Amino acid sequence: MRWKYGTAGIVGLMLLTIGIKAKNPTLGSVGTVVPAMLLAGPVL
């Protein structure tokens, strides 16, 4: 993740990592959606 996505990008990656390690599908899903929204934001 580039620095241009800032705090939201870092939080999203942390949630994704924690969700995968804890085998928690909710955290993993949220962690996937946040960076996806950041990447799709300029397109939308």
PDB file of N, CA and C in Angstrom:
ATOM      1  N   MET A   1       0.843  -1.177   0.000  1.00  0.00           N
ATOM      2  CA  MET A   1       0.000   0.000   0.000  1.00  0.00           C
ATOM      3  C   MET A   1       0.882   1.233   0.000  1.00  0.00           C
ATOM      4  N   ARG A   2       0.593   2.149  -0.828  1.00  0.00           N
ATOM      5  CA  ARG A   2       1.389   3.369  -0.889  1.00  0.00           C
ATOM      6  C   ARG A   2       0.987   4.308   0.231  1.00  0.00           C
ATOM      7  N   TRP A   3       1.889   5.233   0.523  1.00  0.00           N
ATOM      8  CA  TRP A   3       1.615   6.206   1.570  1.00  0.00           C
ATOM      9  C   TRP A   3       0.482   7.144   1.186  1.00  0.00           C
ATOM     10  N   LYS A   4       0.175   7.253  -0.090  1.00  0.00           N
ATOM     11  CA  LYS A   4      -0.866   8.193  -0.508  1.00  0.00           C
ATOM     12  C   LYS A   4      -2.247   7.793   0.006  1.00  0.00           C
ATOM     13  N   TYR A   5      -2.422   6.562   0.452  1.00  0.00           N
ATOM     14  CA  TYR A   5      -3.707   6.131   0.997  1.00  0.00           C
ATOM     15  C   TYR A   5      -3.820   6.429   2.487  1.00  0.00           C
ATOM     16  N   GLY A   6      -2.734   6.843   3.080  1.00  0.00           N
ATOM     17  CA  GLY A   6      -2.726   7.356   4.444  1.00  0.00           C
ATOM     18  C   GLY A   6      -3.182   6.385   5.511  1.00  0.00           C
ATOM     19  N   THR A   7      -3.769   6.965   6.529  1.00  0.00           N
ATOM     20  CA  THR A   7      -4.174   6.211   7.716  1.00  0.00           C
ATOM     21  C   THR A   7      -5.222   5.158   7.380  1.00  0.00           C
ATOM     22  N   ALA A   8      -6.173   5.490   6.528  1.00  0.00           N
ATOM     23  CA  ALA A   8      -7.223   4.528   6.179  1.00  0.00           C
ATOM     24  C   ALA A   8      -6.635   3.288   5.504  1.00  0.00           C
ATOM     25  N   GLY A   9      -5.635   3.472   4.669  1.00  0.00           N
ATOM     26  CA  GLY A   9      -4.993   2.329   4.024  1.00  0.00           C
ATOM     27  C   GLY A   9      -4.257   1.447   5.008  1.00  0.00           C
ATOM     28  N   ILE A  10      -3.579   2.071   5.944  1.00  0.00           N
ATOM     29  CA  ILE A  10      -2.849   1.315   6.957  1.00  0.00           C
ATOM     30  C   ILE A  10      -3.818   0.549   7.855  1.00  0.00           C
ATOM     31  N   VAL A  11      -4.899   1.209   8.261  1.00  0.00           N
ATOM     32  CA  VAL A  11      -5.901   0.548   9.110  1.00  0.00           C
ATOM     33  C   VAL A  11      -6.534  -0.621   8.365  1.00  0.00           C
ATOM     34  N   GLY A  12      -6.834  -0.431   7.088  1.00  0.00           N
ATOM     35  CA  GLY A  12      -7.412  -1.517   6.299  1.00  0.00           C
ATOM     36  C   GLY A  12      -6.495  -2.720   6.207  1.00  0.00           C
ATOM     37  N   LEU A  13      -5.212  -2.469   5.968  1.00  0.00           N
ATOM     38  CA  LEU A  13      -4.257  -3.578   5.905  1.00  0.00           C
ATOM     39  C   LEU A  13      -4.086  -4.259   7.254  1.00  0.00           C
ATOM     40  N   MET A  14      -4.114  -3.476   8.322  1.00  0.00           N
ATOM     41  CA  MET A  14      -4.014  -4.074   9.661  1.00  0.00           C
ATOM     42  C   MET A  14      -5.224  -4.963   9.939  1.00  0.00           C
ATOM     43  N   LEU A  15      -6.421  -4.487   9.607  1.00  0.00           N
ATOM     44  CA  LEU A  15      -7.622  -5.293   9.819  1.00  0.00           C
ATOM     45  C   LEU A  15      -7.577  -6.573   8.996  1.00  0.00           C
ATOM     46  N   LEU A  16      -7.117  -6.462   7.760  1.00  0.00           N
ATOM     47  CA  LEU A  16      -7.005  -7.650   6.911  1.00  0.00           C
ATOM     48  C   LEU A  16      -6.024  -8.651   7.508  1.00  0.00           C
ATOM     49  N   THR A  17      -4.862  -8.172   7.947  1.00  0.00           N
ATOM     50  CA  THR A  17      -3.851  -9.053   8.524  1.00  0.00           C
ATOM     51  C   THR A  17      -4.348  -9.711   9.807  1.00  0.00           C
ATOM     52  N   ILE A  18      -4.959  -8.918  10.676  1.00  0.00           N
ATOM     53  CA  ILE A  18      -5.478  -9.460  11.939  1.00  0.00           C
ATOM     54  C   ILE A  18      -6.590 -10.463  11.660  1.00  0.00           C
ATOM     55  N   GLY A  19      -7.464 -10.150  10.704  1.00  0.00           N
ATOM     56  CA  GLY A  19      -8.558 -11.061  10.366  1.00  0.00           C
ATOM     57  C   GLY A  19      -8.067 -12.395   9.852  1.00  0.00           C
ATOM     58  N   ILE A  20      -7.014 -12.361   9.032  1.00  0.00           N
ATOM     59  CA  ILE A  20      -6.465 -13.609   8.497  1.00  0.00           C
ATOM     60  C   ILE A  20      -5.795 -14.418   9.601  1.00  0.00           C
ATOM     61  N   LYS A  21      -4.991 -13.753  10.427  1.00  0.00           N
ATOM     62  CA  LYS A  21      -4.273 -14.476  11.480  1.00  0.00           C
ATOM     63  C   LYS A  21      -5.217 -15.026  12.540  1.00  0.00           C
ATOM     64  N   ALA A  22      -6.295 -14.277  12.844  1.00  0.00           N
ATOM     65  CA  ALA A  22      -7.251 -14.719  13.860  1.00  0.00           C
ATOM     66  C   ALA A  22      -8.337 -15.615  13.268  1.00  0.00           C
ATOM     67  N   LYS A  23      -8.292 -15.805  11.949  1.00  0.00           N
ATOM     68  CA  LYS A  23      -9.310 -16.584  11.237  1.00  0.00           C
ATOM     69  C   LYS A  23     -10.702 -16.028  11.520  1.00  0.00           C
ATOM     70  N   ASN A  24     -10.784 -14.695  11.499  1.00  0.00           N
ATOM     71  CA  ASN A  24     -12.033 -13.998  11.741  1.00  0.00           C
ATOM     72  C   ASN A  24     -12.515 -13.427  10.411  1.00  0.00           C
ATOM     73  N   PRO A  25     -13.565 -14.009   9.835  1.00  0.00           N
ATOM     74  CA  PRO A  25     -14.009 -13.547   8.518  1.00  0.00           C
ATOM     75  C   PRO A  25     -14.527 -12.107   8.510  1.00  0.00           C
ATOM     76  N   THR A  26     -15.073 -11.637   9.620  1.00  0.00           N
ATOM     77  CA  THR A  26     -15.584 -10.267   9.659  1.00  0.00           C
ATOM     78  C   THR A  26     -14.448  -9.260   9.525  1.00  0.00           C
ATOM     79  N   LEU A  27     -13.408  -9.427  10.314  1.00  0.00           N
ATOM     80  CA  LEU A  27     -12.268  -8.506  10.223  1.00  0.00           C
ATOM     81  C   LEU A  27     -11.583  -8.614   8.873  1.00  0.00           C
ATOM     82  N   GLY A  28     -11.469  -9.819   8.367  1.00  0.00           N
ATOM     83  CA  GLY A  28     -10.855 -10.006   7.063  1.00  0.00           C
ATOM     84  C   GLY A  28     -11.643  -9.317   5.963  1.00  0.00           C
ATOM     85  N   SER A  29     -12.956  -9.397   6.047  1.00  0.00           N
ATOM     86  CA  SER A  29     -13.806  -8.753   5.045  1.00  0.00           C
ATOM     87  C   SER A  29     -13.707  -7.232   5.111  1.00  0.00           C
ATOM     88  N   VAL A  30     -13.761  -6.700   6.310  1.00  0.00           N
ATOM     89  CA  VAL A  30     -13.643  -5.250   6.473  1.00  0.00           C
ATOM     90  C   VAL A  30     -12.270  -4.791   6.000  1.00  0.00           C
ATOM     91  N   GLY A  31     -11.256  -5.562   6.326  1.00  0.00           N
ATOM     92  CA  GLY A  31      -9.909  -5.229   5.900  1.00  0.00           C
ATOM     93  C   GLY A  31      -9.712  -5.301   4.395  1.00  0.00           C
ATOM     94  N   THR A  32     -10.553  -6.055   3.721  1.00  0.00           N
ATOM     95  CA  THR A  32     -10.493  -6.140   2.264  1.00  0.00           C
ATOM     96  C   THR A  32     -11.269  -4.995   1.615  1.00  0.00           C
ATOM     97  N   VAL A  33     -12.392  -4.646   2.209  1.00  0.00           N
ATOM     98  CA  VAL A  33     -13.254  -3.613   1.633  1.00  0.00           C
ATOM     99  C   VAL A  33     -12.614  -2.228   1.722  1.00  0.00           C
ATOM    100  N   VAL A  34     -11.970  -1.915   2.837  1.00  0.00           N
ATOM    101  CA  VAL A  34     -11.398  -0.571   3.018  1.00  0.00           C
ATOM    102  C   VAL A  34     -10.367  -0.239   1.939  1.00  0.00           C
ATOM    103  N   PRO A  35      -9.340  -1.070   1.717  1.00  0.00           N
ATOM    104  CA  PRO A  35      -8.387  -0.732   0.638  1.00  0.00           C
ATOM    105  C   PRO A  35      -9.035  -0.752  -0.751  1.00  0.00           C
ATOM    106  N   ALA A  36     -10.011  -1.649  -0.961  1.00  0.00           N
ATOM    107  CA  ALA A  36     -10.683  -1.696  -2.256  1.00  0.00           C
ATOM    108  C   ALA A  36     -11.433  -0.395  -2.529  1.00  0.00           C
ATOM    109  N   MET A  37     -12.073   0.147  -1.498  1.00  0.00           N
ATOM    110  CA  MET A  37     -12.777   1.431  -1.660  1.00  0.00           C
ATOM    111  C   MET A  37     -11.797   2.567  -1.906  1.00  0.00           C
ATOM    112  N   LEU A  38     -10.649   2.510  -1.256  1.00  0.00           N
ATOM    113  CA  LEU A  38      -9.641   3.547  -1.481  1.00  0.00           C
ATOM    114  C   LEU A  38      -9.117   3.509  -2.912  1.00  0.00           C
ATOM    115  N   LEU A  39      -8.919   2.305  -3.425  1.00  0.00           N
ATOM    116  CA  LEU A  39      -8.412   2.169  -4.789  1.00  0.00           C
ATOM    117  C   LEU A  39      -9.481   2.519  -5.817  1.00  0.00           C
ATOM    118  N   ALA A  40     -10.735   2.198  -5.534  1.00  0.00           N
ATOM    119  CA  ALA A  40     -11.818   2.455  -6.486  1.00  0.00           C
ATOM    120  C   ALA A  40     -12.350   3.866  -6.380  1.00  0.00           C
ATOM    121  N   GLY A  41     -12.013   4.582  -5.333  1.00  0.00           N
ATOM    122  CA  GLY A  41     -12.526   5.939  -5.122  1.00  0.00           C
ATOM    123  C   GLY A  41     -12.349   6.871  -6.292  1.00  0.00           C
ATOM    124  N   PRO A  42     -11.145   6.993  -6.868  1.00  0.00           N
ATOM    125  CA  PRO A  42     -10.973   7.901  -8.011  1.00  0.00           C
ATOM    126  C   PRO A  42     -11.763   7.476  -9.247  1.00  0.00           C
ATOM    127  N   VAL A  43     -12.026   6.197  -9.385  1.00  0.00           N
ATOM    128  CA  VAL A  43     -12.766   5.690 -10.548  1.00  0.00           C
ATOM    129  C   VAL A  43     -14.247   6.012 -10.414  1.00  0.00           C
ATOM    130  N   LEU A  44     -14.754   5.900  -9.189  1.00  0.00           N
ATOM    131  CA  LEU A  44     -16.182   6.163  -8.958  1.00  0.00           C
ATOM    132  C   LEU A  44     -16.393   7.627  -8.987  1.00  0.00           C
TER     133      LEU A  44
END
